[in-house]
Amino acid sequence: MDKKVSPIGSSFDDFLREEGIYEECRARAFKRILAMEIEEAMIEQNISKSEMARRMNSSRSAVDRLLDQSNPSVTLMTLFKAAGAVGRDISVKLV
């Protein structure tokens, strides 16, 4: 089974699009970055996972899923609640 090789000079984004995984990879990357930023804010403010759950009016397991960088299945509502719980906001726009 021969796999098509992209020509030299093509971008990694083009490769991901050709493989049909561009959006999934971007979503995972954005989720990873947001999880890291929320966790950093929690550390800076000395907020435990239990306290974070209380501030979000959620459960500790929801906070665990939020901070799990490999889990892309987090709703926008959860992200907005988490940002608010650490005194931050999230900006989303189509470009």
PDB file of N, CA and C in Angstrom:
ATOM      1  N   MET A   1       0.851  -1.159   0.000  1.00  0.00           N
ATOM      2  CA  MET A   1       0.000   0.000   0.000  1.00  0.00           C
ATOM      3  C   MET A   1       0.902   1.228   0.000  1.00  0.00           C
ATOM      4  N   ASP A   2       0.911   1.949  -1.122  1.00  0.00           N
ATOM      5  CA  ASP A   2       1.721   3.156  -1.227  1.00  0.00           C
ATOM      6  C   ASP A   2       0.947   4.339  -0.691  1.00  0.00           C
ATOM      7  N   LYS A   3       1.609   5.114   0.143  1.00  0.00           N
ATOM      8  CA  LYS A   3       1.010   6.315   0.717  1.00  0.00           C
ATOM      9  C   LYS A   3       1.515   7.502  -0.078  1.00  0.00           C
ATOM     10  N   LYS A   4       0.608   8.402  -0.428  1.00  0.00           N
ATOM     11  CA  LYS A   4       0.980   9.602  -1.171  1.00  0.00           C
ATOM     12  C   LYS A   4       1.863  10.474  -0.291  1.00  0.00           C
ATOM     13  N   VAL A   5       2.988  10.876  -0.821  1.00  0.00           N
ATOM     14  CA  VAL A   5       3.913  11.735  -0.098  1.00  0.00           C
ATOM     15  C   VAL A   5       3.709  13.152  -0.584  1.00  0.00           C
ATOM     16  N   SER A   6       3.553  14.096   0.360  1.00  0.00           N
ATOM     17  CA  SER A   6       3.371  15.494  -0.007  1.00  0.00           C
ATOM     18  C   SER A   6       4.653  16.045  -0.598  1.00  0.00           C
ATOM     19  N   PRO A   7       4.523  16.910  -1.580  1.00  0.00           N
ATOM     20  CA  PRO A   7       5.720  17.485  -2.184  1.00  0.00           C
ATOM     21  C   PRO A   7       6.468  18.366  -1.186  1.00  0.00           C
ATOM     22  N   ILE A   8       7.763  18.479  -1.411  1.00  0.00           N
ATOM     23  CA  ILE A   8       8.580  19.339  -0.564  1.00  0.00           C
ATOM     24  C   ILE A   8       8.041  20.755  -0.646  1.00  0.00           C
ATOM     25  N   GLY A   9       7.966  21.400   0.508  1.00  0.00           N
ATOM     26  CA  GLY A   9       7.471  22.771   0.542  1.00  0.00           C
ATOM     27  C   GLY A   9       6.022  22.877   0.973  1.00  0.00           C
ATOM     28  N   SER A  10       5.299  21.745   1.002  1.00  0.00           N
ATOM     29  CA  SER A  10       3.912  21.827   1.468  1.00  0.00           C
ATOM     30  C   SER A  10       3.923  22.004   2.979  1.00  0.00           C
ATOM     31  N   SER A  11       2.861  22.562   3.506  1.00  0.00           N
ATOM     32  CA  SER A  11       2.826  22.854   4.933  1.00  0.00           C
ATOM     33  C   SER A  11       2.272  21.677   5.727  1.00  0.00           C
ATOM     34  N   PHE A  12       2.559  21.710   7.010  1.00  0.00           N
ATOM     35  CA  PHE A  12       2.032  20.689   7.910  1.00  0.00           C
ATOM     36  C   PHE A  12       0.515  20.777   7.971  1.00  0.00           C
ATOM     37  N   ASP A  13      -0.010  22.008   7.924  1.00  0.00           N
ATOM     38  CA  ASP A  13      -1.468  22.186   7.901  1.00  0.00           C
ATOM     39  C   ASP A  13      -2.072  21.495   6.689  1.00  0.00           C
ATOM     40  N   ASP A  14      -1.424  21.622   5.539  1.00  0.00           N
ATOM     41  CA  ASP A  14      -1.910  20.947   4.332  1.00  0.00           C
ATOM     42  C   ASP A  14      -1.917  19.435   4.523  1.00  0.00           C
ATOM     43  N   PHE A  15      -0.859  18.918   5.141  1.00  0.00           N
ATOM     44  CA  PHE A  15      -0.780  17.489   5.406  1.00  0.00           C
ATOM     45  C   PHE A  15      -1.948  17.040   6.294  1.00  0.00           C
ATOM     46  N   LEU A  16      -2.195  17.794   7.369  1.00  0.00           N
ATOM     47  CA  LEU A  16      -3.284  17.442   8.270  1.00  0.00           C
ATOM     48  C   LEU A  16      -4.627  17.497   7.561  1.00  0.00           C
ATOM     49  N   ARG A  17      -4.809  18.472   6.688  1.00  0.00           N
ATOM     50  CA  ARG A  17      -6.057  18.557   5.909  1.00  0.00           C
ATOM     51  C   ARG A  17      -6.199  17.351   4.990  1.00  0.00           C
ATOM     52  N   GLU A  18      -5.122  16.982   4.325  1.00  0.00           N
ATOM     53  CA  GLU A  18      -5.157  15.828   3.426  1.00  0.00           C
ATOM     54  C   GLU A  18      -5.517  14.551   4.191  1.00  0.00           C
ATOM     55  N   GLU A  19      -5.056  14.455   5.435  1.00  0.00           N
ATOM     56  CA  GLU A  19      -5.343  13.284   6.260  1.00  0.00           C
ATOM     57  C   GLU A  19      -6.742  13.355   6.882  1.00  0.00           C
ATOM     58  N   GLY A  20      -7.386  14.516   6.773  1.00  0.00           N
ATOM     59  CA  GLY A  20      -8.721  14.688   7.324  1.00  0.00           C
ATOM     60  C   GLY A  20      -8.756  14.887   8.829  1.00  0.00           C
ATOM     61  N   ILE A  21      -7.648  15.350   9.398  1.00  0.00           N
ATOM     62  CA  ILE A  21      -7.578  15.499  10.859  1.00  0.00           C
ATOM     63  C   ILE A  21      -7.185  16.916  11.293  1.00  0.00           C
ATOM     64  N   TYR A  22      -7.255  17.862  10.397  1.00  0.00           N
ATOM     65  CA  TYR A  22      -6.829  19.233  10.699  1.00  0.00           C
ATOM     66  C   TYR A  22      -7.623  19.832  11.859  1.00  0.00           C
ATOM     67  N   GLU A  23      -8.943  19.803  11.781  1.00  0.00           N
ATOM     68  CA  GLU A  23      -9.782  20.413  12.812  1.00  0.00           C
ATOM     69  C   GLU A  23      -9.591  19.720  14.158  1.00  0.00           C
ATOM     70  N   GLU A  24      -9.509  18.398  14.141  1.00  0.00           N
ATOM     71  CA  GLU A  24      -9.312  17.651  15.384  1.00  0.00           C
ATOM     72  C   GLU A  24      -7.996  18.030  16.048  1.00  0.00           C
ATOM     73  N   CYS A  25      -6.941  18.139  15.259  1.00  0.00           N
ATOM     74  CA  CYS A  25      -5.630  18.504  15.805  1.00  0.00           C
ATOM     75  C   CYS A  25      -5.638  19.919  16.374  1.00  0.00           C
ATOM     76  N   ARG A  26      -6.270  20.829  15.679  1.00  0.00           N
ATOM     77  CA  ARG A  26      -6.363  22.205  16.181  1.00  0.00           C
ATOM     78  C   ARG A  26      -7.169  22.267  17.472  1.00  0.00           C
ATOM     79  N   ALA A  27      -8.281  21.536  17.522  1.00  0.00           N
ATOM     80  CA  ALA A  27      -9.112  21.529  18.727  1.00  0.00           C
ATOM     81  C   ALA A  27      -8.327  20.975  19.915  1.00  0.00           C
ATOM     82  N   ARG A  28      -7.595  19.898  19.689  1.00  0.00           N
ATOM     83  CA  ARG A  28      -6.785  19.321  20.769  1.00  0.00           C
ATOM     84  C   ARG A  28      -5.697  20.294  21.225  1.00  0.00           C
ATOM     85  N   ALA A  29      -5.082  20.995  20.281  1.00  0.00           N
ATOM     86  CA  ALA A  29      -4.030  21.954  20.631  1.00  0.00           C
ATOM     87  C   ALA A  29      -4.601  23.118  21.435  1.00  0.00           C
ATOM     88  N   PHE A  30      -5.747  23.658  21.000  1.00  0.00           N
ATOM     89  CA  PHE A  30      -6.366  24.759  21.739  1.00  0.00           C
ATOM     90  C   PHE A  30      -6.777  24.305  23.144  1.00  0.00           C
ATOM     91  N   LYS A  31      -7.365  23.116  23.243  1.00  0.00           N
ATOM     92  CA  LYS A  31      -7.778  22.599  24.548  1.00  0.00           C
ATOM     93  C   LYS A  31      -6.571  22.441  25.453  1.00  0.00           C
ATOM     94  N   ARG A  32      -5.480  21.938  24.908  1.00  0.00           N
ATOM     95  CA  ARG A  32      -4.257  21.739  25.696  1.00  0.00           C
ATOM     96  C   ARG A  32      -3.738  23.064  26.237  1.00  0.00           C
ATOM     97  N   ILE A  33      -3.720  24.074  25.380  1.00  0.00           N
ATOM     98  CA  ILE A  33      -3.248  25.394  25.794  1.00  0.00           C
ATOM     99  C   ILE A  33      -4.154  25.980  26.872  1.00  0.00           C
ATOM    100  N   LEU A  34      -5.471  25.905  26.666  1.00  0.00           N
ATOM    101  CA  LEU A  34      -6.399  26.445  27.659  1.00  0.00           C
ATOM    102  C   LEU A  34      -6.273  25.705  28.988  1.00  0.00           C
ATOM    103  N   ALA A  35      -6.133  24.402  28.958  1.00  0.00           N
ATOM    104  CA  ALA A  35      -5.985  23.627  30.185  1.00  0.00           C
ATOM    105  C   ALA A  35      -4.723  24.045  30.933  1.00  0.00           C
ATOM    106  N   MET A  36      -3.635  24.240  30.200  1.00  0.00           N
ATOM    107  CA  MET A  36      -2.385  24.675  30.831  1.00  0.00           C
ATOM    108  C   MET A  36      -2.536  26.065  31.438  1.00  0.00           C
ATOM    109  N   GLU A  37      -3.189  26.978  30.726  1.00  0.00           N
ATOM    110  CA  GLU A  37      -3.359  28.332  31.233  1.00  0.00           C
ATOM    111  C   GLU A  37      -4.257  28.360  32.473  1.00  0.00           C
ATOM    112  N   ILE A  38      -5.315  27.573  32.471  1.00  0.00           N
ATOM    113  CA  ILE A  38      -6.203  27.515  33.637  1.00  0.00           C
ATOM    114  C   ILE A  38      -5.464  26.910  34.824  1.00  0.00           C
ATOM    115  N   GLU A  39      -4.720  25.850  34.582  1.00  0.00           N
ATOM    116  CA  GLU A  39      -3.962  25.227  35.670  1.00  0.00           C
ATOM    117  C   GLU A  39      -2.906  26.184  36.221  1.00  0.00           C
ATOM    118  N   GLU A  40      -2.234  26.926  35.363  1.00  0.00           N
ATOM    119  CA  GLU A  40      -1.248  27.911  35.815  1.00  0.00           C
ATOM    120  C   GLU A  40      -1.910  28.984  36.686  1.00  0.00           C
ATOM    121  N   ALA A  41      -3.089  29.448  36.274  1.00  0.00           N
ATOM    122  CA  ALA A  41      -3.815  30.450  37.064  1.00  0.00           C
ATOM    123  C   ALA A  41      -4.216  29.869  38.414  1.00  0.00           C
ATOM    124  N   MET A  42      -4.632  28.607  38.435  1.00  0.00           N
ATOM    125  CA  MET A  42      -4.985  27.963  39.699  1.00  0.00           C
ATOM    126  C   MET A  42      -3.775  27.904  40.631  1.00  0.00           C
ATOM    127  N   ILE A  43      -2.630  27.562  40.084  1.00  0.00           N
ATOM    128  CA  ILE A  43      -1.406  27.475  40.887  1.00  0.00           C
ATOM    129  C   ILE A  43      -1.026  28.856  41.415  1.00  0.00           C
ATOM    130  N   GLU A  44      -1.058  29.860  40.532  1.00  0.00           N
ATOM    131  CA  GLU A  44      -0.707  31.226  40.931  1.00  0.00           C
ATOM    132  C   GLU A  44      -1.596  31.719  42.066  1.00  0.00           C
ATOM    133  N   GLN A  45      -2.868  31.348  42.032  1.00  0.00           N
ATOM    134  CA  GLN A  45      -3.839  31.824  43.009  1.00  0.00           C
ATOM    135  C   GLN A  45      -4.075  30.831  44.147  1.00  0.00           C
ATOM    136  N   ASN A  46      -3.302  29.737  44.131  1.00  0.00           N
ATOM    137  CA  ASN A  46      -3.404  28.707  45.158  1.00  0.00           C
ATOM    138  C   ASN A  46      -4.840  28.173  45.282  1.00  0.00           C
ATOM    139  N   ILE A  47      -5.429  27.845  44.133  1.00  0.00           N
ATOM    140  CA  ILE A  47      -6.789  27.306  44.090  1.00  0.00           C
ATOM    141  C   ILE A  47      -6.705  25.794  43.907  1.00  0.00           C
ATOM    142  N   SER A  48      -7.271  25.056  44.830  1.00  0.00           N
ATOM    143  CA  SER A  48      -7.291  23.594  44.725  1.00  0.00           C
ATOM    144  C   SER A  48      -8.360  23.166  43.717  1.00  0.00           C
ATOM    145  N   LYS A  49      -8.302  21.915  43.326  1.00  0.00           N
ATOM    146  CA  LYS A  49      -9.319  21.383  42.416  1.00  0.00           C
ATOM    147  C   LYS A  49     -10.701  21.416  43.069  1.00  0.00           C
ATOM    148  N   SER A  50     -10.750  21.128  44.346  1.00  0.00           N
ATOM    149  CA  SER A  50     -12.035  21.164  45.054  1.00  0.00           C
ATOM    150  C   SER A  50     -12.601  22.580  45.090  1.00  0.00           C
ATOM    151  N   GLU A  51     -11.733  23.551  45.350  1.00  0.00           N
ATOM    152  CA  GLU A  51     -12.176  24.943  45.371  1.00  0.00           C
ATOM    153  C   GLU A  51     -12.590  25.387  43.969  1.00  0.00           C
ATOM    154  N   MET A  52     -11.862  24.935  42.974  1.00  0.00           N
ATOM    155  CA  MET A  52     -12.200  25.268  41.582  1.00  0.00           C
ATOM    156  C   MET A  52     -13.590  24.721  41.246  1.00  0.00           C
ATOM    157  N   ALA A  53     -13.856  23.500  41.637  1.00  0.00           N
ATOM    158  CA  ALA A  53     -15.170  22.891  41.389  1.00  0.00           C
ATOM    159  C   ALA A  53     -16.269  23.697  42.080  1.00  0.00           C
ATOM    160  N   ARG A  54     -16.004  24.120  43.308  1.00  0.00           N
ATOM    161  CA  ARG A  54     -16.994  24.919  44.035  1.00  0.00           C
ATOM    162  C   ARG A  54     -17.257  26.235  43.308  1.00  0.00           C
ATOM    163  N   ARG A  55     -16.187  26.905  42.863  1.00  0.00           N
ATOM    164  CA  ARG A  55     -16.337  28.174  42.158  1.00  0.00           C
ATOM    165  C   ARG A  55     -17.075  28.023  40.833  1.00  0.00           C
ATOM    166  N   MET A  56     -16.913  26.871  40.202  1.00  0.00           N
ATOM    167  CA  MET A  56     -17.566  26.613  38.917  1.00  0.00           C
ATOM    168  C   MET A  56     -18.973  26.043  39.102  1.00  0.00           C
ATOM    169  N   ASN A  57     -19.343  25.776  40.363  1.00  0.00           N
ATOM    170  CA  ASN A  57     -20.610  25.109  40.646  1.00  0.00           C
ATOM    171  C   ASN A  57     -20.673  23.784  39.885  1.00  0.00           C
ATOM    172  N   SER A  58     -19.600  23.024  40.034  1.00  0.00           N
ATOM    173  CA  SER A  58     -19.437  21.787  39.284  1.00  0.00           C
ATOM    174  C   SER A  58     -18.843  20.725  40.205  1.00  0.00           C
ATOM    175  N   SER A  59     -18.352  19.646  39.620  1.00  0.00           N
ATOM    176  CA  SER A  59     -17.766  18.560  40.396  1.00  0.00           C
ATOM    177  C   SER A  59     -16.249  18.516  40.220  1.00  0.00           C
ATOM    178  N   ARG A  60     -15.608  17.842  41.145  1.00  0.00           N
ATOM    179  CA  ARG A  60     -14.157  17.669  41.060  1.00  0.00           C
ATOM    180  C   ARG A  60     -13.790  16.874  39.802  1.00  0.00           C
ATOM    181  N   SER A  61     -14.616  15.899  39.427  1.00  0.00           N
ATOM    182  CA  SER A  61     -14.323  15.106  38.221  1.00  0.00           C
ATOM    183  C   SER A  61     -14.418  15.981  36.963  1.00  0.00           C
ATOM    184  N   ALA A  62     -15.312  16.970  36.970  1.00  0.00           N
ATOM    185  CA  ALA A  62     -15.401  17.894  35.832  1.00  0.00           C
ATOM    186  C   ALA A  62     -14.129  18.733  35.729  1.00  0.00           C
ATOM    187  N   VAL A  63     -13.590  19.125  36.870  1.00  0.00           N
ATOM    188  CA  VAL A  63     -12.331  19.889  36.879  1.00  0.00           C
ATOM    189  C   VAL A  63     -11.194  18.997  36.385  1.00  0.00           C
ATOM    190  N   ASP A  64     -11.193  17.739  36.806  1.00  0.00           N
ATOM    191  CA  ASP A  64     -10.174  16.804  36.308  1.00  0.00           C
ATOM    192  C   ASP A  64     -10.231  16.680  34.789  1.00  0.00           C
ATOM    193  N   ARG A  65     -11.442  16.560  34.234  1.00  0.00           N
ATOM    194  CA  ARG A  65     -11.590  16.472  32.776  1.00  0.00           C
ATOM    195  C   ARG A  65     -11.128  17.761  32.109  1.00  0.00           C
ATOM    196  N   LEU A  66     -11.456  18.887  32.717  1.00  0.00           N
ATOM    197  CA  LEU A  66     -11.046  20.182  32.189  1.00  0.00           C
ATOM    198  C   LEU A  66      -9.532  20.289  32.113  1.00  0.00           C
ATOM    199  N   LEU A  67      -8.847  19.845  33.147  1.00  0.00           N
ATOM    200  CA  LEU A  67      -7.390  19.975  33.215  1.00  0.00           C
ATOM    201  C   LEU A  67      -6.655  18.855  32.493  1.00  0.00           C
ATOM    202  N   ASP A  68      -7.376  17.830  32.070  1.00  0.00           N
ATOM    203  CA  ASP A  68      -6.765  16.725  31.321  1.00  0.00           C
ATOM    204  C   ASP A  68      -6.484  17.201  29.900  1.00  0.00           C
ATOM    205  N   GLN A  69      -5.222  17.479  29.624  1.00  0.00           N
ATOM    206  CA  GLN A  69      -4.845  18.046  28.330  1.00  0.00           C
ATOM    207  C   GLN A  69      -5.129  17.119  27.162  1.00  0.00           C
ATOM    208  N   SER A  70      -5.255  15.845  27.421  1.00  0.00           N
ATOM    209  CA  SER A  70      -5.504  14.895  26.330  1.00  0.00           C
ATOM    210  C   SER A  70      -6.989  14.699  26.060  1.00  0.00           C
ATOM    211  N   ASN A  71      -7.849  15.306  26.870  1.00  0.00           N
ATOM    212  CA  ASN A  71      -9.298  15.144  26.707  1.00  0.00           C
ATOM    213  C   ASN A  71      -9.871  16.394  26.039  1.00  0.00           C
ATOM    214  N   PRO A  72     -10.215  16.315  24.750  1.00  0.00           N
ATOM    215  CA  PRO A  72     -10.721  17.495  24.053  1.00  0.00           C
ATOM    216  C   PRO A  72     -12.215  17.739  24.266  1.00  0.00           C
ATOM    217  N   SER A  73     -12.883  16.839  24.986  1.00  0.00           N
ATOM    218  CA  SER A  73     -14.338  16.921  25.134  1.00  0.00           C
ATOM    219  C   SER A  73     -14.745  17.772  26.326  1.00  0.00           C
ATOM    220  N   VAL A  74     -14.552  19.067  26.179  1.00  0.00           N
ATOM    221  CA  VAL A  74     -14.967  20.016  27.210  1.00  0.00           C
ATOM    222  C   VAL A  74     -15.821  21.063  26.517  1.00  0.00           C
ATOM    223  N   THR A  75     -16.953  21.389  27.128  1.00  0.00           N
ATOM    224  CA  THR A  75     -17.845  22.347  26.491  1.00  0.00           C
ATOM    225  C   THR A  75     -17.333  23.779  26.663  1.00  0.00           C
ATOM    226  N   LEU A  76     -17.826  24.646  25.797  1.00  0.00           N
ATOM    227  CA  LEU A  76     -17.493  26.061  25.927  1.00  0.00           C
ATOM    228  C   LEU A  76     -17.977  26.599  27.269  1.00  0.00           C
ATOM    229  N   MET A  77     -19.140  26.150  27.712  1.00  0.00           N
ATOM    230  CA  MET A  77     -19.680  26.601  28.996  1.00  0.00           C
ATOM    231  C   MET A  77     -18.703  26.273  30.119  1.00  0.00           C
ATOM    232  N   THR A  78     -18.158  25.072  30.110  1.00  0.00           N
ATOM    233  CA  THR A  78     -17.193  24.682  31.141  1.00  0.00           C
ATOM    234  C   THR A  78     -15.951  25.553  31.076  1.00  0.00           C
ATOM    235  N   LEU A  79     -15.476  25.826  29.871  1.00  0.00           N
ATOM    236  CA  LEU A  79     -14.293  26.683  29.728  1.00  0.00           C
ATOM    237  C   LEU A  79     -14.560  28.094  30.233  1.00  0.00           C
ATOM    238  N   PHE A  80     -15.733  28.636  29.924  1.00  0.00           N
ATOM    239  CA  PHE A  80     -16.073  29.977  30.399  1.00  0.00           C
ATOM    240  C   PHE A  80     -16.205  30.002  31.919  1.00  0.00           C
ATOM    241  N   LYS A  81     -16.817  28.971  32.503  1.00  0.00           N
ATOM    242  CA  LYS A  81     -16.934  28.889  33.959  1.00  0.00           C
ATOM    243  C   LYS A  81     -15.552  28.817  34.605  1.00  0.00           C
ATOM    244  N   ALA A  82     -14.673  28.026  34.022  1.00  0.00           N
ATOM    245  CA  ALA A  82     -13.324  27.875  34.572  1.00  0.00           C
ATOM    246  C   ALA A  82     -12.554  29.192  34.480  1.00  0.00           C
ATOM    247  N   ALA A  83     -12.671  29.857  33.360  1.00  0.00           N
ATOM    248  CA  ALA A  83     -11.987  31.147  33.205  1.00  0.00           C
ATOM    249  C   ALA A  83     -12.499  32.138  34.248  1.00  0.00           C
ATOM    250  N   GLY A  84     -13.798  32.200  34.428  1.00  0.00           N
ATOM    251  CA  GLY A  84     -14.376  33.094  35.422  1.00  0.00           C
ATOM    252  C   GLY A  84     -13.949  32.743  36.836  1.00  0.00           C
ATOM    253  N   ALA A  85     -13.786  31.460  37.107  1.00  0.00           N
ATOM    254  CA  ALA A  85     -13.400  31.004  38.443  1.00  0.00           C
ATOM    255  C   ALA A  85     -11.995  31.441  38.824  1.00  0.00           C
ATOM    256  N   VAL A  86     -11.161  31.712  37.817  1.00  0.00           N
ATOM    257  CA  VAL A  86      -9.799  32.196  38.094  1.00  0.00           C
ATOM    258  C   VAL A  86      -9.651  33.670  37.736  1.00  0.00           C
ATOM    259  N   GLY A  87     -10.800  34.347  37.530  1.00  0.00           N
ATOM    260  CA  GLY A  87     -10.780  35.786  37.268  1.00  0.00           C
ATOM    261  C   GLY A  87     -10.318  36.159  35.872  1.00  0.00           C
ATOM    262  N   ARG A  88     -10.521  35.263  34.934  1.00  0.00           N
ATOM    263  CA  ARG A  88     -10.114  35.514  33.545  1.00  0.00           C
ATOM    264  C   ARG A  88     -11.330  35.395  32.629  1.00  0.00           C
ATOM    265  N   ASP A  89     -11.111  35.649  31.359  1.00  0.00           N
ATOM    266  CA  ASP A  89     -12.163  35.519  30.364  1.00  0.00           C
ATOM    267  C   ASP A  89     -11.574  34.802  29.156  1.00  0.00           C
ATOM    268  N   ILE A  90     -12.430  34.294  28.310  1.00  0.00           N
ATOM    269  CA  ILE A  90     -12.017  33.634  27.076  1.00  0.00           C
ATOM    270  C   ILE A  90     -12.618  34.426  25.909  1.00  0.00           C
ATOM    271  N   SER A  91     -11.829  34.630  24.899  1.00  0.00           N
ATOM    272  CA  SER A  91     -12.290  35.334  23.711  1.00  0.00           C
ATOM    273  C   SER A  91     -12.374  34.333  22.564  1.00  0.00           C
ATOM    274  N   VAL A  92     -13.545  34.262  21.936  1.00  0.00           N
ATOM    275  CA  VAL A  92     -13.749  33.340  20.815  1.00  0.00           C
ATOM    276  C   VAL A  92     -14.281  34.162  19.652  1.00  0.00           C
ATOM    277  N   LYS A  93     -13.696  33.976  18.468  1.00  0.00           N
ATOM    278  CA  LYS A  93     -14.191  34.694  17.302  1.00  0.00           C
ATOM    279  C   LYS A  93     -13.871  33.915  16.034  1.00  0.00           C
ATOM    280  N   LEU A  94     -14.680  34.129  15.023  1.00  0.00           N
ATOM    281  CA  LEU A  94     -14.419  33.557  13.706  1.00  0.00           C
ATOM    282  C   LEU A  94     -13.504  34.506  12.959  1.00  0.00           C
ATOM    283  N   VAL A  95     -12.505  33.966  12.320  1.00  0.00           N
ATOM    284  CA  VAL A  95     -11.595  34.811  11.528  1.00  0.00           C
ATOM    285  C   VAL A  95     -11.506  34.320  10.121  1.00  0.00           C
TER     286      VAL A  95
END
